[in-house]
Protein backbone atom coordinates (compact mmCIF):
# COMPACT_ATOMS: atom_id res chain seq x y z
CA UNK A 1 -20.74 116.31 50.77
CA UNK A 2 -23.19 119.20 50.58
CA UNK A 3 -26.83 118.33 49.86
CA UNK A 4 -27.47 121.50 47.87
CA UNK A 5 -25.40 122.09 44.81
CA UNK A 6 -24.90 125.52 43.33
CA UNK A 7 -27.50 124.68 40.72
CA UNK A 8 -30.11 123.83 43.33
CA UNK A 9 -29.37 127.02 45.25
CA UNK A 10 -29.64 129.19 42.13
CA UNK A 11 -32.81 127.41 41.04
CA UNK A 12 -34.43 128.01 44.41
CA UNK A 13 -33.42 131.68 44.24
CA UNK A 14 -34.83 132.04 40.72
CA UNK A 15 -38.06 130.25 41.64
CA UNK A 16 -38.75 132.55 44.58
CA UNK A 17 -37.07 135.94 44.20
CA UNK A 18 -36.69 135.82 40.42
CA UNK A 19 -40.44 135.55 39.95
CA UNK A 20 -41.02 138.42 42.36
CA UNK A 21 -38.43 140.56 40.55
CA UNK A 22 -40.05 139.87 37.16
CA UNK A 23 -43.46 140.77 38.58
CA UNK A 24 -42.15 144.06 39.97
CA UNK A 25 -40.50 144.97 36.65
CA UNK A 26 -43.70 144.07 34.76
CA UNK A 27 -45.86 146.28 37.00
CA UNK A 28 -43.42 149.19 36.71
CA UNK A 29 -43.28 148.93 32.91
CA UNK A 30 -47.08 148.74 32.66
CA UNK A 31 -47.53 151.77 34.91
CA UNK A 32 -44.74 153.87 33.32
CA UNK A 33 -46.88 155.51 30.57
CA UNK A 34 -49.47 156.57 33.14
CA UNK A 35 -47.13 158.60 35.34
CA UNK A 36 -48.16 162.27 35.72
CA UNK A 37 -45.34 163.84 33.68
CA UNK A 38 -45.77 161.61 30.64
CA UNK A 39 -48.91 163.18 29.15
CA UNK A 40 -47.16 165.41 26.59
CA UNK A 41 -44.78 162.67 25.41
CA UNK A 42 -47.66 160.21 25.11
CA UNK A 43 -49.66 162.71 23.06
CA UNK A 44 -46.66 163.36 20.81
CA UNK A 45 -46.15 159.63 20.28
CA UNK A 46 -49.85 159.11 19.55
CA UNK A 47 -49.82 161.80 16.87
CA UNK A 48 -46.48 160.81 15.33
CA UNK A 49 -48.06 158.39 12.85
CA UNK A 50 -50.05 161.25 11.31
CA UNK A 51 -47.03 163.45 10.76
CA UNK A 52 -46.09 163.67 7.10
CA UNK A 53 -42.47 164.03 6.01
CA UNK A 54 -43.53 166.97 3.78
CA UNK A 55 -45.19 169.06 6.51
CA UNK A 56 -42.54 171.76 6.26
CA UNK A 57 -42.96 172.30 2.53
């Protein structure tokens, strides 16, 4: 009989590569707003809370 079950294999994979994958995704998501082309969208989002629904009237 095989020493490693499917569970053990998947757990080992998650413990090693899963953690690395989560770290990579975290770093990408943290860096996303700071990319060069995002300045105008970030400024628009920052000012959105000050926009009144009656601005056009």
